[in-house]
Amino acid sequence: MLQKKDYIKYLLSPPFDYTCTNLADHKPNLYHDSVSGFLRRERFTPS
Protein backbone atom coordinates (compact mmCIF):
# COMPACT_ATOMS: atom_id res chain seq x y z
CA MET A 1 0.00 0.00 0.00
CA LEU A 2 1.35 3.38 -0.98
CA GLN A 3 1.35 6.06 1.70
CA LYS A 4 1.10 9.79 1.07
CA LYS A 5 4.55 10.40 2.62
CA ASP A 6 6.12 7.84 0.25
CA TYR A 7 4.52 9.53 -2.76
CA ILE A 8 5.78 12.95 -1.64
CA LYS A 9 9.31 11.57 -1.15
CA TYR A 10 9.13 10.12 -4.66
CA LEU A 11 8.13 13.47 -6.14
CA LEU A 12 11.00 15.21 -4.36
CA SER A 13 13.71 12.72 -5.36
CA PRO A 14 13.88 12.13 -9.14
CA PRO A 15 14.40 15.11 -11.44
CA PHE A 16 12.09 13.70 -14.15
CA ASP A 17 9.81 10.83 -15.18
CA TYR A 18 7.03 11.25 -12.62
CA THR A 19 4.84 8.35 -13.73
CA CYS A 20 2.89 5.64 -11.95
CA THR A 21 4.92 3.04 -13.81
CA ASN A 22 8.26 4.59 -12.80
CA LEU A 23 7.23 4.75 -9.14
CA ALA A 24 6.03 1.14 -9.23
CA ASP A 25 9.33 0.08 -10.81
CA HIS A 26 11.27 1.52 -7.85
CA LYS A 27 9.14 0.26 -4.94
CA PRO A 28 9.04 -3.46 -4.12
CA ASN A 29 5.58 -5.06 -4.25
CA LEU A 30 3.99 -1.94 -5.74
CA TYR A 31 2.12 -1.97 -9.03
CA HIS A 32 1.03 0.71 -11.51
CA ASP A 33 -2.65 0.08 -10.68
CA SER A 34 -1.95 0.57 -6.96
CA VAL A 35 -0.34 3.94 -7.65
CA SER A 36 -3.20 4.99 -9.94
CA GLY A 37 -5.76 4.00 -7.30
CA PHE A 38 -3.85 5.92 -4.63
CA LEU A 39 -3.85 9.07 -6.77
CA ARG A 40 -7.59 8.76 -7.42
CA ARG A 41 -8.39 8.39 -3.69
CA GLU A 42 -6.04 10.97 -2.14
CA ARG A 43 -6.70 14.69 -1.98
CA PHE A 44 -3.70 16.97 -2.12
CA THR A 45 -3.98 20.59 -1.07
CA PRO A 46 -1.35 23.32 -1.37
CA SER A 47 0.60 24.09 1.78
PDB file of N, CA and C in Angstrom:
ATOM      1  N   MET A   1       0.849  -1.182   0.000  1.00  0.00           N
ATOM      2  CA  MET A   1       0.000   0.000   0.000  1.00  0.00           C
ATOM      3  C   MET A   1       0.890   1.240   0.000  1.00  0.00           C
ATOM      4  N   LEU A   2       0.589   2.135  -0.868  1.00  0.00           N
ATOM      5  CA  LEU A   2       1.349   3.375  -0.984  1.00  0.00           C
ATOM      6  C   LEU A   2       0.821   4.391   0.021  1.00  0.00           C
ATOM      7  N   GLN A   3       1.712   5.032   0.728  1.00  0.00           N
ATOM      8  CA  GLN A   3       1.354   6.056   1.701  1.00  0.00           C
ATOM      9  C   GLN A   3       1.642   7.432   1.110  1.00  0.00           C
ATOM     10  N   LYS A   4       0.925   8.431   1.580  1.00  0.00           N
ATOM     11  CA  LYS A   4       1.101   9.792   1.073  1.00  0.00           C
ATOM     12  C   LYS A   4       2.545  10.261   1.240  1.00  0.00           C
ATOM     13  N   LYS A   5       3.169   9.961   2.384  1.00  0.00           N
ATOM     14  CA  LYS A   5       4.550  10.398   2.622  1.00  0.00           C
ATOM     15  C   LYS A   5       5.514   9.754   1.626  1.00  0.00           C
ATOM     16  N   ASP A   6       5.262   8.496   1.242  1.00  0.00           N
ATOM     17  CA  ASP A   6       6.115   7.835   0.254  1.00  0.00           C
ATOM     18  C   ASP A   6       5.974   8.490  -1.115  1.00  0.00           C
ATOM     19  N   TYR A   7       4.753   8.870  -1.469  1.00  0.00           N
ATOM     20  CA  TYR A   7       4.525   9.527  -2.760  1.00  0.00           C
ATOM     21  C   TYR A   7       5.207  10.895  -2.789  1.00  0.00           C
ATOM     22  N   ILE A   8       5.133  11.629  -1.711  1.00  0.00           N
ATOM     23  CA  ILE A   8       5.777  12.947  -1.638  1.00  0.00           C
ATOM     24  C   ILE A   8       7.294  12.801  -1.745  1.00  0.00           C
ATOM     25  N   LYS A   9       7.868  11.808  -1.043  1.00  0.00           N
ATOM     26  CA  LYS A   9       9.312  11.571  -1.145  1.00  0.00           C
ATOM     27  C   LYS A   9       9.703  11.230  -2.580  1.00  0.00           C
ATOM     28  N   TYR A  10       8.867  10.462  -3.260  1.00  0.00           N
ATOM     29  CA  TYR A  10       9.135  10.121  -4.662  1.00  0.00           C
ATOM     30  C   TYR A  10       9.150  11.377  -5.527  1.00  0.00           C
ATOM     31  N   LEU A  11       8.183  12.254  -5.331  1.00  0.00           N
ATOM     32  CA  LEU A  11       8.125  13.475  -6.137  1.00  0.00           C
ATOM     33  C   LEU A  11       9.322  14.383  -5.888  1.00  0.00           C
ATOM     34  N   LEU A  12       9.865  14.351  -4.689  1.00  0.00           N
ATOM     35  CA  LEU A  12      11.000  15.207  -4.356  1.00  0.00           C
ATOM     36  C   LEU A  12      12.341  14.631  -4.806  1.00  0.00           C
ATOM     37  N   SER A  13      12.414  13.327  -5.069  1.00  0.00           N
ATOM     38  CA  SER A  13      13.709  12.723  -5.356  1.00  0.00           C
ATOM     39  C   SER A  13      14.128  12.710  -6.823  1.00  0.00           C
ATOM     40  N   PRO A  14      13.364  12.168  -7.761  1.00  0.00           N
ATOM     41  CA  PRO A  14      13.881  12.133  -9.136  1.00  0.00           C
ATOM     42  C   PRO A  14      13.653  13.457  -9.857  1.00  0.00           C
ATOM     43  N   PRO A  15      14.559  13.840 -10.734  1.00  0.00           N
ATOM     44  CA  PRO A  15      14.403  15.114 -11.437  1.00  0.00           C
ATOM     45  C   PRO A  15      13.420  15.044 -12.609  1.00  0.00           C
ATOM     46  N   PHE A  16      12.992  13.848 -13.009  1.00  0.00           N
ATOM     47  CA  PHE A  16      12.089  13.695 -14.154  1.00  0.00           C
ATOM     48  C   PHE A  16      11.376  12.350 -14.074  1.00  0.00           C
ATOM     49  N   ASP A  17      10.507  12.106 -15.028  1.00  0.00           N
ATOM     50  CA  ASP A  17       9.808  10.829 -15.178  1.00  0.00           C
ATOM     51  C   ASP A  17       8.887  10.523 -14.003  1.00  0.00           C
ATOM     52  N   TYR A  18       7.998  11.451 -13.690  1.00  0.00           N
ATOM     53  CA  TYR A  18       7.027  11.248 -12.619  1.00  0.00           C
ATOM     54  C   TYR A  18       5.839  10.480 -13.168  1.00  0.00           C
ATOM     55  N   THR A  19       5.935   9.168 -13.224  1.00  0.00           N
ATOM     56  CA  THR A  19       4.842   8.349 -13.726  1.00  0.00           C
ATOM     57  C   THR A  19       4.503   7.259 -12.723  1.00  0.00           C
ATOM     58  N   CYS A  20       3.296   6.751 -12.819  1.00  0.00           N
ATOM     59  CA  CYS A  20       2.886   5.643 -11.953  1.00  0.00           C
ATOM     60  C   CYS A  20       3.761   4.422 -12.203  1.00  0.00           C
ATOM     61  N   THR A  21       4.098   4.196 -13.464  1.00  0.00           N
ATOM     62  CA  THR A  21       4.923   3.045 -13.811  1.00  0.00           C
ATOM     63  C   THR A  21       6.324   3.186 -13.240  1.00  0.00           C
ATOM     64  N   ASN A  22       6.916   4.369 -13.331  1.00  0.00           N
ATOM     65  CA  ASN A  22       8.260   4.586 -12.802  1.00  0.00           C
ATOM     66  C   ASN A  22       8.279   4.399 -11.286  1.00  0.00           C
ATOM     67  N   LEU A  23       7.290   4.932 -10.600  1.00  0.00           N
ATOM     68  CA  LEU A  23       7.232   4.753  -9.144  1.00  0.00           C
ATOM     69  C   LEU A  23       7.094   3.278  -8.800  1.00  0.00           C
ATOM     70  N   ALA A  24       6.221   2.568  -9.491  1.00  0.00           N
ATOM     71  CA  ALA A  24       6.028   1.142  -9.228  1.00  0.00           C
ATOM     72  C   ALA A  24       7.298   0.345  -9.512  1.00  0.00           C
ATOM     73  N   ASP A  25       8.074   0.762 -10.495  1.00  0.00           N
ATOM     74  CA  ASP A  25       9.330   0.078 -10.815  1.00  0.00           C
ATOM     75  C   ASP A  25      10.363   0.214  -9.700  1.00  0.00           C
ATOM     76  N   HIS A  26      10.260   1.253  -8.878  1.00  0.00           N
ATOM     77  CA  HIS A  26      11.269   1.519  -7.855  1.00  0.00           C
ATOM     78  C   HIS A  26      10.839   1.156  -6.439  1.00  0.00           C
ATOM     79  N   LYS A  27       9.618   0.672  -6.269  1.00  0.00           N
ATOM     80  CA  LYS A  27       9.136   0.263  -4.943  1.00  0.00           C
ATOM     81  C   LYS A  27       8.798  -1.224  -4.997  1.00  0.00           C
ATOM     82  N   PRO A  28       9.366  -2.029  -4.109  1.00  0.00           N
ATOM     83  CA  PRO A  28       9.043  -3.459  -4.124  1.00  0.00           C
ATOM     84  C   PRO A  28       7.563  -3.693  -3.805  1.00  0.00           C
ATOM     85  N   ASN A  29       6.975  -4.664  -4.470  1.00  0.00           N
ATOM     86  CA  ASN A  29       5.580  -5.065  -4.252  1.00  0.00           C
ATOM     87  C   ASN A  29       4.582  -3.947  -4.506  1.00  0.00           C
ATOM     88  N   LEU A  30       4.906  -3.029  -5.394  1.00  0.00           N
ATOM     89  CA  LEU A  30       3.994  -1.944  -5.742  1.00  0.00           C
ATOM     90  C   LEU A  30       3.749  -2.006  -7.243  1.00  0.00           C
ATOM     91  N   TYR A  31       2.497  -1.844  -7.630  1.00  0.00           N
ATOM     92  CA  TYR A  31       2.121  -1.974  -9.029  1.00  0.00           C
ATOM     93  C   TYR A  31       1.502  -0.684  -9.541  1.00  0.00           C
ATOM     94  N   HIS A  32       1.569  -0.486 -10.859  1.00  0.00           N
ATOM     95  CA  HIS A  32       1.027   0.705 -11.508  1.00  0.00           C
ATOM     96  C   HIS A  32      -0.414   0.954 -11.076  1.00  0.00           C
ATOM     97  N   ASP A  33      -1.240  -0.085 -11.054  1.00  0.00           N
ATOM     98  CA  ASP A  33      -2.649   0.076 -10.685  1.00  0.00           C
ATOM     99  C   ASP A  33      -2.804   0.544  -9.242  1.00  0.00           C
ATOM    100  N   SER A  34      -1.912   0.115  -8.360  1.00  0.00           N
ATOM    101  CA  SER A  34      -1.954   0.567  -6.964  1.00  0.00           C
ATOM    102  C   SER A  34      -1.666   2.058  -6.875  1.00  0.00           C
ATOM    103  N   VAL A  35      -0.693   2.518  -7.642  1.00  0.00           N
ATOM    104  CA  VAL A  35      -0.343   3.938  -7.647  1.00  0.00           C
ATOM    105  C   VAL A  35      -1.495   4.757  -8.231  1.00  0.00           C
ATOM    106  N   SER A  36      -2.071   4.286  -9.327  1.00  0.00           N
ATOM    107  CA  SER A  36      -3.200   4.991  -9.941  1.00  0.00           C
ATOM    108  C   SER A  36      -4.373   5.090  -8.974  1.00  0.00           C
ATOM    109  N   GLY A  37      -4.669   3.996  -8.277  1.00  0.00           N
ATOM    110  CA  GLY A  37      -5.757   4.005  -7.296  1.00  0.00           C
ATOM    111  C   GLY A  37      -5.475   4.966  -6.155  1.00  0.00           C
ATOM    112  N   PHE A  38      -4.239   4.999  -5.693  1.00  0.00           N
ATOM    113  CA  PHE A  38      -3.846   5.924  -4.631  1.00  0.00           C
ATOM    114  C   PHE A  38      -4.094   7.364  -5.065  1.00  0.00           C
ATOM    115  N   LEU A  39      -3.688   7.695  -6.291  1.00  0.00           N
ATOM    116  CA  LEU A  39      -3.847   9.069  -6.774  1.00  0.00           C
ATOM    117  C   LEU A  39      -5.317   9.441  -6.963  1.00  0.00           C
ATOM    118  N   ARG A  40      -6.159   8.485  -7.296  1.00  0.00           N
ATOM    119  CA  ARG A  40      -7.595   8.763  -7.418  1.00  0.00           C
ATOM    120  C   ARG A  40      -8.231   9.009  -6.050  1.00  0.00           C
ATOM    121  N   ARG A  41      -7.783   8.292  -5.029  1.00  0.00           N
ATOM    122  CA  ARG A  41      -8.385   8.390  -3.690  1.00  0.00           C
ATOM    123  C   ARG A  41      -7.903   9.595  -2.895  1.00  0.00           C
ATOM    124  N   GLU A  42      -6.616   9.914  -2.985  1.00  0.00           N
ATOM    125  CA  GLU A  42      -6.035  10.968  -2.144  1.00  0.00           C
ATOM    126  C   GLU A  42      -6.425  12.362  -2.616  1.00  0.00           C
ATOM    127  N   ARG A  43      -6.459  13.269  -1.678  1.00  0.00           N
ATOM    128  CA  ARG A  43      -6.702  14.686  -1.976  1.00  0.00           C
ATOM    129  C   ARG A  43      -5.478  15.465  -1.514  1.00  0.00           C
ATOM    130  N   PHE A  44      -4.874  16.176  -2.437  1.00  0.00           N
ATOM    131  CA  PHE A  44      -3.697  16.973  -2.122  1.00  0.00           C
ATOM    132  C   PHE A  44      -4.083  18.444  -2.161  1.00  0.00           C
ATOM    133  N   THR A  45      -3.701  19.162  -1.127  1.00  0.00           N
ATOM    134  CA  THR A  45      -3.978  20.594  -1.071  1.00  0.00           C
ATOM    135  C   THR A  45      -2.660  21.344  -0.949  1.00  0.00           C
ATOM    136  N   PRO A  46      -2.582  22.544  -1.489  1.00  0.00           N
ATOM    137  CA  PRO A  46      -1.347  23.320  -1.374  1.00  0.00           C
ATOM    138  C   PRO A  46      -1.054  23.664   0.085  1.00  0.00           C
ATOM    139  N   SER A  47       0.201  23.755   0.403  1.00  0.00           N
ATOM    140  CA  SER A  47       0.604  24.088   1.782  1.00  0.00           C
ATOM    141  C   SER A  47       0.431  25.559   2.041  1.00  0.00           C
TER     142      SER A  47
END
